[in-house]
Amino acid sequence: MDKPTVEEPLLAVRRGGDGEDGAMASTAAEVKRLLHLAGPLMASFVLQYSVQMVSVMFVGHLG
């Protein structure tokens, strides 16, 4: 599988005659591609927030 790049469009161009199954497949492929691109960014935000939350909890236990 090729890794997605920023230059490639996220929405697939429909060639006609795909029907509902083609639309669902292209939607699933788009979601998978978006998660592949944005996954590391979302993980870093969650980890950064968790570090701040643990710091606040630690200071709260000190006094």
PDB file of N, CA and C in Angstrom:
ATOM      1  N   MET A   1       0.844  -1.184   0.000  1.00  0.00           N
ATOM      2  CA  MET A   1       0.000   0.000   0.000  1.00  0.00           C
ATOM      3  C   MET A   1       0.883   1.239   0.000  1.00  0.00           C
ATOM      4  N   ASP A   2       0.565   2.177  -0.869  1.00  0.00           N
ATOM      5  CA  ASP A   2       1.315   3.422  -0.930  1.00  0.00           C
ATOM      6  C   ASP A   2       0.924   4.308   0.232  1.00  0.00           C
ATOM      7  N   LYS A   3       1.904   4.998   0.764  1.00  0.00           N
ATOM      8  CA  LYS A   3       1.610   5.937   1.831  1.00  0.00           C
ATOM      9  C   LYS A   3       0.988   7.188   1.234  1.00  0.00           C
ATOM     10  N   PRO A   4      -0.063   7.723   1.868  1.00  0.00           N
ATOM     11  CA  PRO A   4      -0.702   8.923   1.338  1.00  0.00           C
ATOM     12  C   PRO A   4       0.195  10.142   1.518  1.00  0.00           C
ATOM     13  N   THR A   5       0.073  11.048   0.592  1.00  0.00           N
ATOM     14  CA  THR A   5       0.817  12.298   0.671  1.00  0.00           C
ATOM     15  C   THR A   5      -0.166  13.454   0.740  1.00  0.00           C
ATOM     16  N   VAL A   6       0.343  14.614   1.073  1.00  0.00           N
ATOM     17  CA  VAL A   6      -0.496  15.795   1.202  1.00  0.00           C
ATOM     18  C   VAL A   6      -0.952  16.280  -0.179  1.00  0.00           C
ATOM     19  N   GLU A   7      -0.167  16.016  -1.215  1.00  0.00           N
ATOM     20  CA  GLU A   7      -0.475  16.507  -2.548  1.00  0.00           C
ATOM     21  C   GLU A   7      -1.634  15.762  -3.203  1.00  0.00           C
ATOM     22  N   GLU A   8      -1.918  14.536  -2.804  1.00  0.00           N
ATOM     23  CA  GLU A   8      -2.974  13.742  -3.420  1.00  0.00           C
ATOM     24  C   GLU A   8      -4.325  14.154  -2.858  1.00  0.00           C
ATOM     25  N   PRO A   9      -5.358  14.197  -3.713  1.00  0.00           N
ATOM     26  CA  PRO A   9      -6.691  14.538  -3.208  1.00  0.00           C
ATOM     27  C   PRO A   9      -7.232  13.434  -2.312  1.00  0.00           C
ATOM     28  N   LEU A  10      -7.993  13.814  -1.281  1.00  0.00           N
ATOM     29  CA  LEU A  10      -8.571  12.836  -0.373  1.00  0.00           C
ATOM     30  C   LEU A  10      -9.813  12.194  -0.953  1.00  0.00           C
ATOM     31  N   LEU A  11     -10.580  12.941  -1.717  1.00  0.00           N
ATOM     32  CA  LEU A  11     -11.796  12.403  -2.300  1.00  0.00           C
ATOM     33  C   LEU A  11     -11.471  11.732  -3.625  1.00  0.00           C
ATOM     34  N   ALA A  12     -11.956  10.505  -3.770  1.00  0.00           N
ATOM     35  CA  ALA A  12     -11.743   9.783  -5.016  1.00  0.00           C
ATOM     36  C   ALA A  12     -12.715  10.296  -6.069  1.00  0.00           C
ATOM     37  N   VAL A  13     -12.249  10.350  -7.299  1.00  0.00           N
ATOM     38  CA  VAL A  13     -13.105  10.772  -8.395  1.00  0.00           C
ATOM     39  C   VAL A  13     -13.965   9.595  -8.815  1.00  0.00           C
ATOM     40  N   ARG A  14     -15.269   9.784  -8.817  1.00  0.00           N
ATOM     41  CA  ARG A  14     -16.191   8.702  -9.175  1.00  0.00           C
ATOM     42  C   ARG A  14     -16.304   8.624 -10.681  1.00  0.00           C
ATOM     43  N   ARG A  15     -16.203   7.416 -11.204  1.00  0.00           N
ATOM     44  CA  ARG A  15     -16.237   7.198 -12.649  1.00  0.00           C
ATOM     45  C   ARG A  15     -17.625   6.828 -13.146  1.00  0.00           C
ATOM     46  N   GLY A  16     -18.605   6.784 -12.264  1.00  0.00           N
ATOM     47  CA  GLY A  16     -19.971   6.464 -12.663  1.00  0.00           C
ATOM     48  C   GLY A  16     -20.240   4.976 -12.601  1.00  0.00           C
ATOM     49  N   GLY A  17     -21.478   4.617 -12.273  1.00  0.00           N
ATOM     50  CA  GLY A  17     -21.872   3.226 -12.232  1.00  0.00           C
ATOM     51  C   GLY A  17     -21.402   2.479 -11.002  1.00  0.00           C
ATOM     52  N   ASP A  18     -20.889   3.179  -9.999  1.00  0.00           N
ATOM     53  CA  ASP A  18     -20.390   2.504  -8.798  1.00  0.00           C
ATOM     54  C   ASP A  18     -21.532   2.051  -7.893  1.00  0.00           C
ATOM     55  N   GLY A  19     -22.566   2.833  -7.792  1.00  0.00           N
ATOM     56  CA  GLY A  19     -23.675   2.495  -6.906  1.00  0.00           C
ATOM     57  C   GLY A  19     -23.304   2.734  -5.456  1.00  0.00           C
ATOM     58  N   GLU A  20     -24.123   2.185  -4.563  1.00  0.00           N
ATOM     59  CA  GLU A  20     -23.914   2.376  -3.124  1.00  0.00           C
ATOM     60  C   GLU A  20     -22.650   1.689  -2.625  1.00  0.00           C
ATOM     61  N   ASP A  21     -22.350   0.499  -3.143  1.00  0.00           N
ATOM     62  CA  ASP A  21     -21.166  -0.226  -2.678  1.00  0.00           C
ATOM     63  C   ASP A  21     -19.892   0.544  -2.994  1.00  0.00           C
ATOM     64  N   GLY A  22     -19.847   1.163  -4.146  1.00  0.00           N
ATOM     65  CA  GLY A  22     -18.677   1.958  -4.518  1.00  0.00           C
ATOM     66  C   GLY A  22     -18.529   3.188  -3.651  1.00  0.00           C
ATOM     67  N   ALA A  23     -19.671   3.803  -3.305  1.00  0.00           N
ATOM     68  CA  ALA A  23     -19.633   4.991  -2.454  1.00  0.00           C
ATOM     69  C   ALA A  23     -19.155   4.627  -1.052  1.00  0.00           C
ATOM     70  N   MET A  24     -19.624   3.486  -0.529  1.00  0.00           N
ATOM     71  CA  MET A  24     -19.200   3.059   0.804  1.00  0.00           C
ATOM     72  C   MET A  24     -17.720   2.695   0.810  1.00  0.00           C
ATOM     73  N   ALA A  25     -17.266   2.050  -0.256  1.00  0.00           N
ATOM     74  CA  ALA A  25     -15.859   1.662  -0.336  1.00  0.00           C
ATOM     75  C   ALA A  25     -14.973   2.893  -0.428  1.00  0.00           C
ATOM     76  N   SER A  26     -15.402   3.893  -1.202  1.00  0.00           N
ATOM     77  CA  SER A  26     -14.581   5.100  -1.314  1.00  0.00           C
ATOM     78  C   SER A  26     -14.599   5.887  -0.008  1.00  0.00           C
ATOM     79  N   THR A  27     -15.733   5.864   0.702  1.00  0.00           N
ATOM     80  CA  THR A  27     -15.810   6.550   1.995  1.00  0.00           C
ATOM     81  C   THR A  27     -14.909   5.861   3.015  1.00  0.00           C
ATOM     82  N   ALA A  28     -14.943   4.535   3.038  1.00  0.00           N
ATOM     83  CA  ALA A  28     -14.084   3.797   3.966  1.00  0.00           C
ATOM     84  C   ALA A  28     -12.615   4.032   3.639  1.00  0.00           C
ATOM     85  N   ALA A  29     -12.283   4.075   2.358  1.00  0.00           N
ATOM     86  CA  ALA A  29     -10.896   4.324   1.969  1.00  0.00           C
ATOM     87  C   ALA A  29     -10.468   5.732   2.371  1.00  0.00           C
ATOM     88  N   GLU A  30     -11.395   6.699   2.247  1.00  0.00           N
ATOM     89  CA  GLU A  30     -11.068   8.068   2.629  1.00  0.00           C
ATOM     90  C   GLU A  30     -10.854   8.189   4.136  1.00  0.00           C
ATOM     91  N   VAL A  31     -11.708   7.528   4.929  1.00  0.00           N
ATOM     92  CA  VAL A  31     -11.555   7.572   6.387  1.00  0.00           C
ATOM     93  C   VAL A  31     -10.240   6.926   6.802  1.00  0.00           C
ATOM     94  N   LYS A  32      -9.914   5.802   6.178  1.00  0.00           N
ATOM     95  CA  LYS A  32      -8.657   5.129   6.480  1.00  0.00           C
ATOM     96  C   LYS A  32      -7.466   6.018   6.142  1.00  0.00           C
ATOM     97  N   ARG A  33      -7.567   6.710   5.021  1.00  0.00           N
ATOM     98  CA  ARG A  33      -6.474   7.594   4.606  1.00  0.00           C
ATOM     99  C   ARG A  33      -6.339   8.788   5.550  1.00  0.00           C
ATOM    100  N   LEU A  34      -7.478   9.362   5.956  1.00  0.00           N
ATOM    101  CA  LEU A  34      -7.441  10.492   6.892  1.00  0.00           C
ATOM    102  C   LEU A  34      -6.857  10.079   8.237  1.00  0.00           C
ATOM    103  N   LEU A  35      -7.241   8.902   8.735  1.00  0.00           N
ATOM    104  CA  LEU A  35      -6.696   8.435  10.006  1.00  0.00           C
ATOM    105  C   LEU A  35      -5.197   8.164   9.898  1.00  0.00           C
ATOM    106  N   HIS A  36      -4.773   7.688   8.742  1.00  0.00           N
ATOM    107  CA  HIS A  36      -3.345   7.423   8.551  1.00  0.00           C
ATOM    108  C   HIS A  36      -2.543   8.730   8.565  1.00  0.00           C
ATOM    109  N   LEU A  37      -3.137   9.784   8.013  1.00  0.00           N
ATOM    110  CA  LEU A  37      -2.445  11.078   7.992  1.00  0.00           C
ATOM    111  C   LEU A  37      -2.545  11.800   9.333  1.00  0.00           C
ATOM    112  N   ALA A  38      -3.721  11.741   9.980  1.00  0.00           N
ATOM    113  CA  ALA A  38      -3.955  12.532  11.187  1.00  0.00           C
ATOM    114  C   ALA A  38      -3.744  11.745  12.470  1.00  0.00           C
ATOM    115  N   GLY A  39      -3.562  10.443  12.391  1.00  0.00           N
ATOM    116  CA  GLY A  39      -3.405   9.615  13.579  1.00  0.00           C
ATOM    117  C   GLY A  39      -2.265  10.031  14.488  1.00  0.00           C
ATOM    118  N   PRO A  40      -1.059  10.216  13.950  1.00  0.00           N
ATOM    119  CA  PRO A  40       0.044  10.645  14.816  1.00  0.00           C
ATOM    120  C   PRO A  40      -0.191  11.997  15.481  1.00  0.00           C
ATOM    121  N   LEU A  41      -0.849  12.903  14.781  1.00  0.00           N
ATOM    122  CA  LEU A  41      -1.152  14.210  15.364  1.00  0.00           C
ATOM    123  C   LEU A  41      -2.146  14.082  16.510  1.00  0.00           C
ATOM    124  N   MET A  42      -3.179  13.266  16.323  1.00  0.00           N
ATOM    125  CA  MET A  42      -4.155  13.052  17.388  1.00  0.00           C
ATOM    126  C   MET A  42      -3.505  12.370  18.591  1.00  0.00           C
ATOM    127  N   ALA A  43      -2.631  11.406  18.350  1.00  0.00           N
ATOM    128  CA  ALA A  43      -1.956  10.716  19.452  1.00  0.00           C
ATOM    129  C   ALA A  43      -1.066  11.680  20.235  1.00  0.00           C
ATOM    130  N   SER A  44      -0.368  12.577  19.542  1.00  0.00           N
ATOM    131  CA  SER A  44       0.499  13.523  20.251  1.00  0.00           C
ATOM    132  C   SER A  44      -0.318  14.488  21.099  1.00  0.00           C
ATOM    133  N   PHE A  45      -1.487  14.922  20.603  1.00  0.00           N
ATOM    134  CA  PHE A  45      -2.346  15.806  21.393  1.00  0.00           C
ATOM    135  C   PHE A  45      -2.848  15.105  22.646  1.00  0.00           C
ATOM    136  N   VAL A  46      -3.263  13.843  22.517  1.00  0.00           N
ATOM    137  CA  VAL A  46      -3.761  13.092  23.668  1.00  0.00           C
ATOM    138  C   VAL A  46      -2.647  12.890  24.689  1.00  0.00           C
ATOM    139  N   LEU A  47      -1.462  12.531  24.229  1.00  0.00           N
ATOM    140  CA  LEU A  47      -0.346  12.320  25.157  1.00  0.00           C
ATOM    141  C   LEU A  47       0.074  13.615  25.837  1.00  0.00           C
ATOM    142  N   GLN A  48       0.080  14.718  25.094  1.00  0.00           N
ATOM    143  CA  GLN A  48       0.448  16.003  25.683  1.00  0.00           C
ATOM    144  C   GLN A  48      -0.576  16.415  26.749  1.00  0.00           C
ATOM    145  N   TYR A  49      -1.862  16.207  26.472  1.00  0.00           N
ATOM    146  CA  TYR A  49      -2.901  16.535  27.449  1.00  0.00           C
ATOM    147  C   TYR A  49      -2.791  15.644  28.676  1.00  0.00           C
ATOM    148  N   SER A  50      -2.449  14.377  28.477  1.00  0.00           N
ATOM    149  CA  SER A  50      -2.349  13.475  29.621  1.00  0.00           C
ATOM    150  C   SER A  50      -1.179  13.849  30.522  1.00  0.00           C
ATOM    151  N   VAL A  51      -0.096  14.345  29.957  1.00  0.00           N
ATOM    152  CA  VAL A  51       1.036  14.792  30.782  1.00  0.00           C
ATOM    153  C   VAL A  51       0.616  15.983  31.638  1.00  0.00           C
ATOM    154  N   GLN A  52      -0.116  16.925  31.048  1.00  0.00           N
ATOM    155  CA  GLN A  52      -0.597  18.078  31.808  1.00  0.00           C
ATOM    156  C   GLN A  52      -1.573  17.648  32.897  1.00  0.00           C
ATOM    157  N   MET A  53      -2.435  16.704  32.593  1.00  0.00           N
ATOM    158  CA  MET A  53      -3.417  16.243  33.566  1.00  0.00           C
ATOM    159  C   MET A  53      -2.729  15.537  34.737  1.00  0.00           C
ATOM    160  N   VAL A  54      -1.734  14.713  34.469  1.00  0.00           N
ATOM    161  CA  VAL A  54      -1.011  14.027  35.533  1.00  0.00           C
ATOM    162  C   VAL A  54      -0.257  15.041  36.391  1.00  0.00           C
ATOM    163  N   SER A  55       0.289  16.081  35.775  1.00  0.00           N
ATOM    164  CA  SER A  55       0.990  17.119  36.540  1.00  0.00           C
ATOM    165  C   SER A  55       0.042  17.826  37.498  1.00  0.00           C
ATOM    166  N   VAL A  56      -1.151  18.148  37.033  1.00  0.00           N
ATOM    167  CA  VAL A  56      -2.132  18.821  37.882  1.00  0.00           C
ATOM    168  C   VAL A  56      -2.570  17.901  39.016  1.00  0.00           C
ATOM    169  N   MET A  57      -2.763  16.623  38.727  1.00  0.00           N
ATOM    170  CA  MET A  57      -3.155  15.681  39.771  1.00  0.00           C
ATOM    171  C   MET A  57      -2.043  15.535  40.811  1.00  0.00           C
ATOM    172  N   PHE A  58      -0.808  15.512  40.382  1.00  0.00           N
ATOM    173  CA  PHE A  58       0.322  15.381  41.307  1.00  0.00           C
ATOM    174  C   PHE A  58       0.408  16.592  42.213  1.00  0.00           C
ATOM    175  N   VAL A  59       0.273  17.786  41.649  1.00  0.00           N
ATOM    176  CA  VAL A  59       0.327  19.002  42.454  1.00  0.00           C
ATOM    177  C   VAL A  59      -0.863  19.055  43.410  1.00  0.00           C
ATOM    178  N   GLY A  60      -2.012  18.558  42.986  1.00  0.00           N
ATOM    179  CA  GLY A  60      -3.177  18.538  43.879  1.00  0.00           C
ATOM    180  C   GLY A  60      -2.969  17.637  45.081  1.00  0.00           C
ATOM    181  N   HIS A  61      -2.230  16.540  44.915  1.00  0.00           N
ATOM    182  CA  HIS A  61      -1.954  15.659  46.045  1.00  0.00           C
ATOM    183  C   HIS A  61      -0.925  16.240  46.989  1.00  0.00           C
ATOM    184  N   LEU A  62      -0.086  17.164  46.495  1.00  0.00           N
ATOM    185  CA  LEU A  62       0.937  17.757  47.367  1.00  0.00           C
ATOM    186  C   LEU A  62       0.311  18.725  48.375  1.00  0.00           C
ATOM    187  N   GLY A  63      -0.741  19.361  47.980  1.00  0.00           N
ATOM    188  CA  GLY A  63      -1.302  20.227  48.991  1.00  0.00           C
ATOM    189  C   GLY A  63      -2.159  21.273  48.424  1.00  0.00           C
TER     190      GLY A  63
END
